[in-house]
PDB file of N, CA and C in Angstrom:
ATOM      1  N   MET A   1      11.119  24.882 -45.580  1.00  0.00           N
ATOM      2  CA  MET A   1      11.927  25.460 -44.528  1.00  0.00           C
ATOM      3  C   MET A   1      11.839  26.565 -44.191  1.00  0.00           C
ATOM      4  N   ASP A   2      11.772  26.830 -42.841  1.00  0.00           N
ATOM      5  CA  ASP A   2      11.455  27.965 -42.278  1.00  0.00           C
ATOM      6  C   ASP A   2      12.526  28.830 -42.279  1.00  0.00           C
ATOM      7  N   GLU A   3      12.160  30.712 -42.360  1.00  0.00           N
ATOM      8  CA  GLU A   3      13.427  31.694 -42.450  1.00  0.00           C
ATOM      9  C   GLU A   3      14.025  31.893 -41.012  1.00  0.00           C
ATOM     10  N   TYR A   4      15.043  32.097 -40.755  1.00  0.00           N
ATOM     11  CA  TYR A   4      15.575  32.629 -39.902  1.00  0.00           C
ATOM     12  C   TYR A   4      14.903  33.893 -38.962  1.00  0.00           C
ATOM     13  N   ASP A   5      14.576  33.638 -37.981  1.00  0.00           N
ATOM     14  CA  ASP A   5      13.817  34.562 -37.159  1.00  0.00           C
ATOM     15  C   ASP A   5      14.934  35.166 -36.334  1.00  0.00           C
ATOM     16  N   PRO A   6      15.216  36.455 -36.688  1.00  0.00           N
ATOM     17  CA  PRO A   6      16.316  36.954 -35.728  1.00  0.00           C
ATOM     18  C   PRO A   6      15.440  37.088 -34.247  1.00  0.00           C
ATOM     19  N   ASN A   7      14.182  37.261 -33.704  1.00  0.00           N
ATOM     20  CA  ASN A   7      14.041  37.401 -32.528  1.00  0.00           C
ATOM     21  C   ASN A   7      13.902  36.357 -31.983  1.00  0.00           C
ATOM     22  N   LYS A   8      14.183  35.021 -32.352  1.00  0.00           N
ATOM     23  CA  LYS A   8      14.546  34.080 -31.619  1.00  0.00           C
ATOM     24  C   LYS A   8      15.527  33.766 -30.936  1.00  0.00           C
ATOM     25  N   VAL A   9      16.007  32.803 -29.571  1.00  0.00           N
ATOM     26  CA  VAL A   9      17.094  33.054 -29.327  1.00  0.00           C
ATOM     27  C   VAL A   9      17.194  31.442 -28.759  1.00  0.00           C
ATOM     28  N   TYR A  10      18.122  30.750 -28.629  1.00  0.00           N
ATOM     29  CA  TYR A  10      18.456  29.319 -28.428  1.00  0.00           C
ATOM     30  C   TYR A  10      18.192  29.187 -26.792  1.00  0.00           C
ATOM     31  N   PHE A  11      17.293  28.377 -26.223  1.00  0.00           N
ATOM     32  CA  PHE A  11      17.048  27.747 -24.650  1.00  0.00           C
ATOM     33  C   PHE A  11      17.359  26.505 -24.824  1.00  0.00           C
ATOM     34  N   ARG A  12      17.748  25.904 -23.376  1.00  0.00           N
ATOM     35  CA  ARG A  12      18.052  24.542 -23.279  1.00  0.00           C
ATOM     36  C   ARG A  12      16.972  24.200 -22.348  1.00  0.00           C
ATOM     37  N   CYS A  13      16.378  23.268 -21.974  1.00  0.00           N
ATOM     38  CA  CYS A  13      15.910  22.709 -20.691  1.00  0.00           C
ATOM     39  C   CYS A  13      16.460  22.128 -19.889  1.00  0.00           C
ATOM     40  N   ASN A  14      16.112  22.914 -18.306  1.00  0.00           N
ATOM     41  CA  ASN A  14      17.054  21.946 -17.357  1.00  0.00           C
ATOM     42  C   ASN A  14      16.591  20.511 -16.794  1.00  0.00           C
ATOM     43  N   THR A  15      15.249  20.190 -17.454  1.00  0.00           N
ATOM     44  CA  THR A  15      14.758  19.079 -17.150  1.00  0.00           C
ATOM     45  C   THR A  15      15.121  17.736 -18.005  1.00  0.00           C
ATOM     46  N   CYS A  16      15.021  18.108 -19.095  1.00  0.00           N
ATOM     47  CA  CYS A  16      15.150  17.174 -20.550  1.00  0.00           C
ATOM     48  C   CYS A  16      16.330  17.525 -21.121  1.00  0.00           C
ATOM     49  N   GLU A  17      16.915  18.544 -20.687  1.00  0.00           N
ATOM     50  CA  GLU A  17      18.352  18.802 -21.716  1.00  0.00           C
ATOM     51  C   GLU A  17      17.983  19.228 -23.280  1.00  0.00           C
ATOM     52  N   PHE A  18      16.828  19.511 -23.830  1.00  0.00           N
ATOM     53  CA  PHE A  18      16.194  19.401 -24.910  1.00  0.00           C
ATOM     54  C   PHE A  18      17.007  21.198 -25.129  1.00  0.00           C
ATOM     55  N   LEU A  19      17.418  21.279 -26.504  1.00  0.00           N
ATOM     56  CA  LEU A  19      17.920  22.633 -26.913  1.00  0.00           C
ATOM     57  C   LEU A  19      16.770  23.292 -28.326  1.00  0.00           C
ATOM     58  N   PHE A  20      16.306  24.128 -27.677  1.00  0.00           N
ATOM     59  CA  PHE A  20      15.271  24.447 -29.024  1.00  0.00           C
ATOM     60  C   PHE A  20      15.558  26.138 -28.994  1.00  0.00           C
ATOM     61  N   MET A  21      15.027  26.766 -30.137  1.00  0.00           N
ATOM     62  CA  MET A  21      14.718  28.320 -30.307  1.00  0.00           C
ATOM     63  C   MET A  21      13.501  28.966 -30.059  1.00  0.00           C
ATOM     64  N   GLU A  22      13.251  29.817 -29.322  1.00  0.00           N
ATOM     65  CA  GLU A  22      11.848  30.224 -28.891  1.00  0.00           C
ATOM     66  C   GLU A  22      12.038  31.788 -28.749  1.00  0.00           C
ATOM     67  N   ASP A  23      10.751  32.521 -29.165  1.00  0.00           N
ATOM     68  CA  ASP A  23      11.371  33.931 -28.977  1.00  0.00           C
ATOM     69  C   ASP A  23      11.209  34.702 -27.357  1.00  0.00           C
ATOM     70  N   PRO A  24      11.937  35.079 -26.994  1.00  0.00           N
ATOM     71  CA  PRO A  24      11.946  35.584 -25.615  1.00  0.00           C
ATOM     72  C   PRO A  24      10.868  36.227 -24.979  1.00  0.00           C
ATOM     73  N   ALA A  25       9.955  36.854 -25.616  1.00  0.00           N
ATOM     74  CA  ALA A  25       9.239  37.749 -25.607  1.00  0.00           C
ATOM     75  C   ALA A  25       8.007  36.999 -25.170  1.00  0.00           C
ATOM     76  N   LEU A  26       7.628  35.599 -25.439  1.00  0.00           N
ATOM     77  CA  LEU A  26       7.217  34.954 -24.844  1.00  0.00           C
ATOM     78  C   LEU A  26       7.091  34.596 -23.378  1.00  0.00           C
ATOM     79  N   PHE A  27       6.193  34.454 -22.832  1.00  0.00           N
ATOM     80  CA  PHE A  27       6.431  34.254 -21.443  1.00  0.00           C
ATOM     81  C   PHE A  27       5.439  33.542 -20.513  1.00  0.00           C
ATOM     82  N   PRO A  28       5.074  32.368 -19.869  1.00  0.00           N
ATOM     83  CA  PRO A  28       6.863  31.654 -19.561  1.00  0.00           C
ATOM     84  C   PRO A  28       6.863  30.919 -21.111  1.00  0.00           C
ATOM     85  N   VAL A  29       8.558  30.699 -21.090  1.00  0.00           N
ATOM     86  CA  VAL A  29       8.674  29.881 -22.312  1.00  0.00           C
ATOM     87  C   VAL A  29       9.238  28.380 -21.585  1.00  0.00           C
ATOM     88  N   ARG A  30       8.335  27.535 -22.459  1.00  0.00           N
ATOM     89  CA  ARG A  30       8.077  26.274 -22.261  1.00  0.00           C
ATOM     90  C   ARG A  30       9.201  25.498 -23.343  1.00  0.00           C
ATOM     91  N   CYS A  31       9.623  24.514 -22.946  1.00  0.00           N
ATOM     92  CA  CYS A  31      10.440  23.299 -23.604  1.00  0.00           C
ATOM     93  C   CYS A  31       9.198  22.789 -24.406  1.00  0.00           C
ATOM     94  N   PRO A  32       9.416  22.503 -25.456  1.00  0.00           N
ATOM     95  CA  PRO A  32       8.484  21.948 -26.484  1.00  0.00           C
ATOM     96  C   PRO A  32       8.640  20.619 -26.411  1.00  0.00           C
ATOM     97  N   GLN A  33       9.396  20.146 -25.857  1.00  0.00           N
ATOM     98  CA  GLN A  33       9.277  18.416 -25.764  1.00  0.00           C
ATOM     99  C   GLN A  33       9.011  17.838 -24.558  1.00  0.00           C
ATOM    100  N   CYS A  34       9.217  18.264 -23.506  1.00  0.00           N
ATOM    101  CA  CYS A  34       8.361  18.301 -22.084  1.00  0.00           C
ATOM    102  C   CYS A  34       7.724  19.045 -21.461  1.00  0.00           C
ATOM    103  N   GLY A  35       7.299  20.270 -21.730  1.00  0.00           N
ATOM    104  CA  GLY A  35       6.370  21.018 -21.591  1.00  0.00           C
ATOM    105  C   GLY A  35       7.013  22.164 -20.239  1.00  0.00           C
ATOM    106  N   SER A  36       8.178  21.565 -19.626  1.00  0.00           N
ATOM    107  CA  SER A  36       8.794  22.289 -18.391  1.00  0.00           C
ATOM    108  C   SER A  36       9.316  23.805 -18.717  1.00  0.00           C
ATOM    109  N   GLU A  37       9.039  24.410 -17.484  1.00  0.00           N
ATOM    110  CA  GLU A  37       9.294  25.997 -17.764  1.00  0.00           C
ATOM    111  C   GLU A  37      10.770  26.352 -17.042  1.00  0.00           C
ATOM    112  N   ASP A  38      11.042  25.098 -16.735  1.00  0.00           N
ATOM    113  CA  ASP A  38      12.853  25.337 -16.253  1.00  0.00           C
ATOM    114  C   ASP A  38      14.045  25.335 -17.256  1.00  0.00           C
ATOM    115  N   VAL A  39      13.809  26.525 -18.154  1.00  0.00           N
ATOM    116  CA  VAL A  39      14.901  26.819 -19.228  1.00  0.00           C
ATOM    117  C   VAL A  39      15.773  27.426 -18.590  1.00  0.00           C
ATOM    118  N   VAL A  40      17.031  27.361 -19.482  1.00  0.00           N
ATOM    119  CA  VAL A  40      17.368  28.724 -19.383  1.00  0.00           C
ATOM    120  C   VAL A  40      18.442  29.233 -20.902  1.00  0.00           C
ATOM    121  N   ARG A  41      18.501  30.422 -21.183  1.00  0.00           N
ATOM    122  CA  ARG A  41      18.593  31.340 -22.206  1.00  0.00           C
ATOM    123  C   ARG A  41      20.271  30.722 -22.633  1.00  0.00           C
ATOM    124  N   THR A  42      20.874  30.278 -23.332  1.00  0.00           N
ATOM    125  CA  THR A  42      21.481  29.883 -23.607  1.00  0.00           C
ATOM    126  C   THR A  42      22.974  30.709 -24.953  1.00  0.00           C
TER     127      THR A  42
END
């Protein structure tokens, strides 16, 4: 089990509605499920 990373925040993909955690410093943030860059921070 991964430890909680305080640098990661939740994003939601506008294409496939997938909710995932990613480091917002990574740019562009891509959806790990469909690869879309159309994501919003939640």
